[in-house]
N, C-alpha and C. Protein backbone atom coordinates (compact mmCIF):
# COMPACT_ATOMS: atom_id res chain seq x y z
N VAL A 1 -8.88 -12.64 -5.79
CA VAL A 1 -8.92 -11.04 -4.96
C VAL A 1 -9.46 -11.63 -3.53
N SER A 2 -8.61 -10.78 -2.65
CA SER A 2 -8.60 -10.74 -1.31
C SER A 2 -9.77 -9.98 -0.66
N PRO A 3 -10.69 -10.33 0.00
CA PRO A 3 -11.75 -9.34 0.56
C PRO A 3 -11.12 -8.33 1.83
N TYR A 4 -9.76 -8.86 2.31
CA TYR A 4 -9.41 -8.36 3.30
C TYR A 4 -8.06 -7.43 2.96
N ILE A 5 -7.59 -7.26 1.29
CA ILE A 5 -6.70 -6.29 1.40
C ILE A 5 -7.29 -5.44 0.36
N TYR A 6 -7.16 -4.19 0.56
CA TYR A 6 -7.44 -2.72 -0.32
C TYR A 6 -6.15 -2.32 -0.38
N VAL A 7 -5.99 -2.08 -1.68
CA VAL A 7 -4.70 -1.54 -1.72
C VAL A 7 -4.99 0.06 -2.63
N ILE A 8 -4.25 1.18 -2.29
CA ILE A 8 -4.41 2.22 -3.05
C ILE A 8 -2.99 2.56 -3.45
N ARG A 9 -2.72 3.43 -4.68
CA ARG A 9 -1.35 3.65 -5.63
C ARG A 9 -1.64 5.14 -5.12
N VAL A 10 -0.28 5.35 -4.78
CA VAL A 10 0.44 7.07 -4.60
C VAL A 10 1.16 7.11 -5.76
N PRO A 11 1.73 8.44 -5.65
CA PRO A 11 2.54 8.65 -6.92
C PRO A 11 3.98 8.20 -6.75
N ASP A 12 4.69 8.16 -5.43
CA ASP A 12 5.86 7.63 -5.59
C ASP A 12 6.51 6.97 -4.00
N GLY A 13 7.36 6.74 -3.76
CA GLY A 13 7.66 5.85 -2.49
C GLY A 13 7.93 6.85 -1.42
N ASP A 14 8.10 8.07 -1.83
CA ASP A 14 8.39 8.89 -0.58
C ASP A 14 6.95 9.48 -0.08
N THR A 15 6.02 9.78 -0.94
CA THR A 15 4.85 10.04 -0.61
C THR A 15 4.05 9.16 0.37
N ARG A 16 4.45 7.76 -0.24
CA ARG A 16 3.78 6.23 0.65
C ARG A 16 4.25 6.28 1.65
N ALA A 17 5.82 6.70 2.07
CA ALA A 17 6.14 6.67 3.48
C ALA A 17 5.42 7.91 4.25
N LYS A 18 5.29 9.15 3.48
CA LYS A 18 4.86 10.15 4.37
C LYS A 18 3.32 9.64 4.79
N LEU A 19 2.62 9.12 3.69
CA LEU A 19 1.03 8.79 4.08
C LEU A 19 0.98 7.58 4.93
N MET A 20 1.79 6.93 5.10
CA MET A 20 1.82 5.92 6.34
C MET A 20 2.53 6.25 7.57
N GLU A 21 3.13 7.22 8.11
CA GLU A 21 3.43 7.91 8.97
C GLU A 21 2.09 8.68 9.44
N HIS A 22 1.53 9.58 8.32
CA HIS A 22 0.09 10.27 8.46
C HIS A 22 -0.68 9.19 9.32
N MET A 23 -1.14 8.26 8.74
CA MET A 23 -1.94 7.30 8.89
C MET A 23 -1.50 6.64 10.46
N ARG A 24 -0.41 6.41 10.46
CA ARG A 24 -0.30 5.94 11.74
C ARG A 24 -0.32 6.74 13.16
N ALA A 25 0.24 8.32 12.95
CA ALA A 25 0.07 9.18 13.52
C ALA A 25 -1.45 9.32 14.00
N ARG A 26 -2.38 8.78 13.17
CA ARG A 26 -3.79 8.61 13.78
C ARG A 26 -4.24 7.35 13.81
N GLY A 27 -3.51 6.71 14.22
CA GLY A 27 -3.97 5.18 15.15
C GLY A 27 -4.41 4.28 13.91
N VAL A 28 -3.94 4.34 12.65
CA VAL A 28 -4.26 3.63 11.45
C VAL A 28 -3.15 2.91 10.80
N ALA A 29 -3.25 1.60 10.81
CA ALA A 29 -2.09 0.91 10.42
C ALA A 29 -2.43 0.64 9.19
N SER A 30 -1.18 0.88 8.24
CA SER A 30 -1.28 0.45 6.78
C SER A 30 -0.12 -0.65 6.52
N GLY A 31 0.11 -0.94 5.60
CA GLY A 31 0.83 -2.02 5.07
C GLY A 31 1.51 -1.94 3.75
N ILE A 32 2.54 -3.02 3.18
CA ILE A 32 2.94 -3.24 1.84
C ILE A 32 2.72 -4.14 1.60
N HIS A 33 1.85 -4.95 0.83
CA HIS A 33 1.76 -6.58 0.42
C HIS A 33 2.29 -6.76 -1.11
N PHE A 34 2.70 -5.72 -1.46
CA PHE A 34 3.11 -6.13 -2.97
C PHE A 34 4.61 -5.73 -3.18
N GLU A 35 5.33 -6.78 -3.38
CA GLU A 35 6.74 -6.40 -3.82
C GLU A 35 6.75 -7.11 -5.28
N GLY A 36 7.91 -6.80 -6.01
CA GLY A 36 7.94 -7.63 -7.49
C GLY A 36 8.59 -8.77 -7.38
N ALA A 37 8.13 -10.04 -7.53
CA ALA A 37 8.72 -11.38 -7.41
C ALA A 37 10.25 -11.27 -7.77
N HIS A 38 10.60 -10.36 -8.83
CA HIS A 38 12.02 -10.29 -9.15
C HIS A 38 12.90 -10.25 -8.08
N ASN A 39 12.74 -9.57 -6.87
CA ASN A 39 13.40 -9.12 -5.80
C ASN A 39 13.35 -10.09 -4.51
N TYR A 40 12.82 -11.06 -4.96
CA TYR A 40 13.05 -12.35 -3.77
C TYR A 40 14.22 -13.41 -4.69
N SER A 41 14.77 -13.79 -3.66
CA SER A 41 16.54 -14.41 -4.18
C SER A 41 15.83 -15.82 -4.97
N PHE A 42 14.55 -16.65 -4.78
CA PHE A 42 14.14 -17.53 -5.50
C PHE A 42 14.26 -16.92 -6.99
N TYR A 43 13.87 -15.76 -7.46
CA TYR A 43 13.36 -15.59 -8.60
C TYR A 43 14.42 -14.59 -9.04
N ARG A 44 15.54 -14.35 -8.79
CA ARG A 44 16.47 -13.58 -8.79
C ARG A 44 16.80 -13.49 -10.07
N ASP A 45 17.51 -15.04 -10.77
CA ASP A 45 17.98 -15.39 -12.15
C ASP A 45 16.76 -15.53 -13.02
N CYS A 46 15.50 -15.46 -12.93
CA CYS A 46 14.47 -15.34 -13.53
C CYS A 46 14.18 -14.12 -14.49
N ARG A 47 14.97 -12.98 -14.17
CA ARG A 47 14.56 -11.90 -14.74
C ARG A 47 14.98 -11.85 -16.47
N ARG A 48 14.03 -11.58 -17.30
CA ARG A 48 14.47 -11.73 -18.80
C ARG A 48 14.56 -10.50 -19.19
N SER A 49 13.66 -9.37 -18.67
CA SER A 49 13.97 -8.06 -19.57
C SER A 49 13.85 -6.59 -18.43
N ASP A 50 13.89 -5.76 -18.65
CA ASP A 50 13.59 -4.59 -17.72
C ASP A 50 12.29 -4.24 -17.09
N LEU A 51 12.03 -4.44 -15.78
CA LEU A 51 11.08 -4.28 -14.89
C LEU A 51 10.48 -3.14 -14.53
N ARG A 52 10.95 -2.06 -14.82
CA ARG A 52 10.68 -0.63 -14.26
C ARG A 52 9.69 -0.53 -13.91
N VAL A 53 8.55 -0.97 -14.64
CA VAL A 53 6.91 -0.58 -14.40
C VAL A 53 6.46 -1.12 -13.07
N THR A 54 7.32 -2.70 -12.97
CA THR A 54 7.01 -3.10 -11.74
C THR A 54 7.65 -2.67 -10.75
N GLU A 55 8.71 -2.22 -10.80
CA GLU A 55 9.44 -1.70 -9.43
C GLU A 55 8.59 -0.35 -9.07
N ARG A 56 8.49 0.71 -10.28
CA ARG A 56 7.68 1.60 -9.80
C ARG A 56 6.62 1.45 -9.05
N VAL A 57 5.59 0.46 -9.56
CA VAL A 57 4.47 0.13 -8.75
C VAL A 57 4.58 -0.28 -7.75
N SER A 58 5.38 -1.10 -7.24
CA SER A 58 5.74 -1.84 -6.00
C SER A 58 6.25 -0.53 -5.04
N GLU A 59 6.97 0.61 -5.45
CA GLU A 59 6.94 1.41 -4.76
C GLU A 59 5.82 2.50 -4.27
N GLN A 60 4.74 2.08 -5.22
CA GLN A 60 3.65 3.31 -4.77
C GLN A 60 2.35 2.52 -4.32
N VAL A 61 2.12 1.44 -4.00
CA VAL A 61 1.08 0.62 -3.60
C VAL A 61 0.86 0.70 -1.75
N VAL A 62 -0.13 0.74 -1.26
CA VAL A 62 -0.17 0.98 -0.12
C VAL A 62 -1.46 0.08 0.46
N THR A 63 -1.24 -0.79 1.09
CA THR A 63 -2.68 -1.56 1.66
C THR A 63 -3.27 -0.93 2.75
N LEU A 64 -4.38 -0.64 2.70
CA LEU A 64 -5.30 -0.18 3.95
C LEU A 64 -5.78 -1.32 4.32
N PRO A 65 -6.25 -0.76 6.03
CA PRO A 65 -6.79 -1.97 6.85
C PRO A 65 -8.13 -1.83 6.67
N LEU A 66 -8.59 -2.26 5.33
CA LEU A 66 -10.22 -2.30 5.42
C LEU A 66 -10.71 -3.69 5.03
N HIS A 67 -11.83 -3.76 5.45
CA HIS A 67 -12.33 -5.41 5.42
C HIS A 67 -13.91 -5.02 5.28
N PRO A 68 -14.55 -6.25 4.95
CA PRO A 68 -16.43 -6.29 4.84
C PRO A 68 -16.82 -6.21 6.04
N PHE A 69 -16.17 -6.72 7.03
CA PHE A 69 -16.66 -6.88 8.50
C PHE A 69 -16.20 -5.84 9.61
N MET A 70 -15.53 -4.73 9.03
CA MET A 70 -15.04 -3.85 9.72
C MET A 70 -16.13 -2.46 9.76
N ASP A 71 -16.24 -2.15 10.95
CA ASP A 71 -17.52 -1.46 11.47
C ASP A 71 -17.45 0.05 11.00
N GLU A 72 -18.36 0.83 10.64
CA GLU A 72 -18.62 2.00 9.97
C GLU A 72 -17.66 2.89 10.45
N SER A 73 -17.66 3.34 11.59
CA SER A 73 -16.78 3.99 12.71
C SER A 73 -15.12 3.80 12.13
N THR A 74 -14.86 3.03 12.16
CA THR A 74 -13.46 2.39 12.02
C THR A 74 -13.17 2.64 10.49
N THR A 75 -14.31 2.37 9.68
CA THR A 75 -13.97 2.57 8.28
C THR A 75 -13.71 4.00 7.92
N ASP A 76 -14.48 4.87 8.46
CA ASP A 76 -14.63 6.14 8.54
C ASP A 76 -13.13 6.89 9.09
N ARG A 77 -12.59 6.18 9.90
CA ARG A 77 -11.53 6.61 10.27
C ARG A 77 -10.26 6.46 9.33
N VAL A 78 -10.24 5.23 8.80
CA VAL A 78 -9.11 4.70 8.02
C VAL A 78 -9.30 5.88 6.65
N VAL A 79 -10.55 5.98 6.23
CA VAL A 79 -11.03 7.06 4.95
C VAL A 79 -10.22 8.25 5.11
N GLU A 80 -10.97 9.00 6.66
CA GLU A 80 -10.38 10.16 6.64
C GLU A 80 -8.83 10.41 6.96
N SER A 81 -8.31 9.43 7.51
CA SER A 81 -7.03 9.24 7.60
C SER A 81 -5.94 9.40 5.91
N VAL A 82 -6.50 8.85 4.89
CA VAL A 82 -5.96 8.97 3.83
C VAL A 82 -6.54 10.42 3.28
N ARG A 83 -7.68 10.57 3.29
CA ARG A 83 -8.37 11.88 2.55
C ARG A 83 -7.73 13.16 3.26
N SER A 84 -7.38 13.44 4.90
CA SER A 84 -6.96 14.59 5.05
C SER A 84 -5.18 14.64 4.58
N PHE A 85 -4.67 13.67 4.61
CA PHE A 85 -3.42 13.45 3.68
C PHE A 85 -3.25 14.20 2.40
N PHE A 86 -4.00 13.76 1.71
CA PHE A 86 -4.38 14.64 0.40
C PHE A 86 -5.02 15.74 0.51
N GLU A 87 -5.40 16.54 1.50
CA GLU A 87 -6.03 17.71 1.27
C GLU A 87 -4.63 19.07 1.35
């Protein structure tokens, strides 16, 4: 567990892109810190079965800029940017 990576899952890649843009417009950076290992060239030949769940989840996860040392006003801004997108 990384105390500086907080991930949420959204319905699909299109929603993720729109959420990230919504957050960016409000001055909140977000990121993508998970991609299925089978997408990297080193593991390309290791695939043994269908990985559609891994592929779906890798399109749905977004990393929020939250960590234990963040001040309350910044945390509130991050949370509000996500909340306002889904309202």
